[in-house]
Amino acid sequence: MSVYKYCMAGRGYTDEVVPVPVAAAPAIAAAPTGWRARAAEARAVAAQLQDPVTKQMMARIADSYDRLAGQSEGRPAPGRKSAAAR
């Protein structure tokens, strides 16, 4: 046994291959009504804002929530082809 393997074995490491767990998919499958409610809330906040840059940012956030709602319904995001169409 080499010194390296001896030291690593003393720390609990082995030569066996351990599968790395795959990260779970993001939970965008939440109810589309929840995403749409967030979009409506973001648009309501945007309507109250005075700064045009901040207002535009909130509008983009609302659009993103609408895209998430569409994806949770199984529709592809606008401007993207579905996997079947590729």
Protein backbone atom coordinates (compact mmCIF):
# COMPACT_ATOMS: atom_id res chain seq x y z
CA MET A 1 0.00 0.00 0.00
CA SER A 2 1.37 3.38 -0.95
CA VAL A 3 1.77 6.15 1.58
CA TYR A 4 -0.95 8.12 -0.22
CA LYS A 5 -3.47 5.27 -0.02
CA TYR A 6 -2.49 4.60 3.59
CA CYS A 7 -3.09 8.23 4.57
CA MET A 8 -6.34 8.46 2.63
CA ALA A 9 -7.62 5.17 4.06
CA GLY A 10 -6.92 6.50 7.54
CA ARG A 11 -9.26 9.40 6.74
CA GLY A 12 -12.03 7.14 5.52
CA TYR A 13 -11.43 7.41 1.76
CA THR A 14 -11.49 4.30 -0.41
CA ASP A 15 -10.86 3.43 -4.05
CA GLU A 16 -14.48 2.54 -4.67
CA VAL A 17 -16.49 4.70 -7.01
CA VAL A 18 -19.46 6.32 -5.35
CA PRO A 19 -22.22 7.70 -7.57
CA VAL A 20 -22.75 11.43 -7.27
CA PRO A 21 -26.38 12.34 -6.60
CA VAL A 22 -28.03 14.33 -9.36
CA ALA A 23 -29.58 17.60 -8.30
CA ALA A 24 -33.34 17.70 -8.43
CA ALA A 25 -35.00 19.77 -11.11
CA PRO A 26 -36.09 23.21 -9.96
CA ALA A 27 -39.60 23.30 -8.60
CA ILE A 28 -41.15 25.38 -11.36
CA ALA A 29 -43.97 22.89 -11.52
CA ALA A 30 -45.81 24.92 -8.90
CA ALA A 31 -49.35 25.88 -9.75
CA PRO A 32 -49.46 28.34 -12.64
CA THR A 33 -51.98 30.41 -10.71
CA GLY A 34 -49.29 31.12 -8.12
CA TRP A 35 -46.88 32.38 -10.77
CA ARG A 36 -49.64 34.47 -12.37
CA ALA A 37 -50.49 35.98 -8.97
CA ARG A 38 -46.84 36.97 -8.53
CA ALA A 39 -46.86 38.52 -12.00
CA ALA A 40 -49.95 40.55 -11.15
CA GLU A 41 -48.38 41.70 -7.90
CA ALA A 42 -45.19 42.75 -9.69
CA ARG A 43 -47.22 44.72 -12.23
CA ALA A 44 -49.17 46.42 -9.43
CA VAL A 45 -45.89 47.46 -7.81
CA ALA A 46 -44.56 48.66 -11.17
CA ALA A 47 -47.64 50.83 -11.67
CA GLN A 48 -46.89 52.65 -8.40
CA LEU A 49 -43.24 53.34 -9.20
CA GLN A 50 -42.03 56.69 -10.51
CA ASP A 51 -38.53 55.76 -11.70
CA PRO A 52 -38.76 54.47 -15.30
CA VAL A 53 -35.78 52.12 -14.94
CA THR A 54 -37.18 50.48 -11.82
CA LYS A 55 -40.63 50.33 -13.41
CA GLN A 56 -39.17 48.52 -16.43
CA MET A 57 -37.31 46.09 -14.16
CA MET A 58 -40.53 45.20 -12.34
CA ALA A 59 -42.30 44.72 -15.67
CA ARG A 60 -39.56 42.29 -16.74
CA ILE A 61 -39.92 40.41 -13.46
CA ALA A 62 -43.66 40.13 -14.11
CA ASP A 63 -42.95 38.80 -17.61
CA SER A 64 -40.59 36.23 -16.12
CA TYR A 65 -43.32 35.07 -13.74
CA ASP A 66 -45.68 34.72 -16.71
CA ARG A 67 -43.08 32.59 -18.52
CA LEU A 68 -42.74 30.38 -15.43
CA ALA A 69 -46.51 29.98 -15.34
CA GLY A 70 -46.47 28.91 -18.98
CA GLN A 71 -43.67 26.43 -18.35
CA SER A 72 -45.50 24.95 -15.38
CA GLU A 73 -48.48 24.45 -17.70
CA GLY A 74 -46.21 22.58 -20.08
CA ARG A 75 -45.92 25.29 -22.72
CA PRO A 76 -42.48 26.24 -24.07
CA ALA A 77 -41.12 29.66 -23.26
CA PRO A 78 -41.79 32.30 -25.95
CA GLY A 79 -39.06 32.32 -28.58
CA ARG A 80 -37.96 28.78 -27.79
CA LYS A 81 -38.79 25.65 -29.71
CA SER A 82 -40.15 22.70 -27.83
CA ALA A 83 -37.99 19.59 -27.62
CA ALA A 84 -40.24 17.84 -30.14
CA ALA A 85 -39.89 20.68 -32.66
CA ARG A 86 -36.08 20.68 -32.61
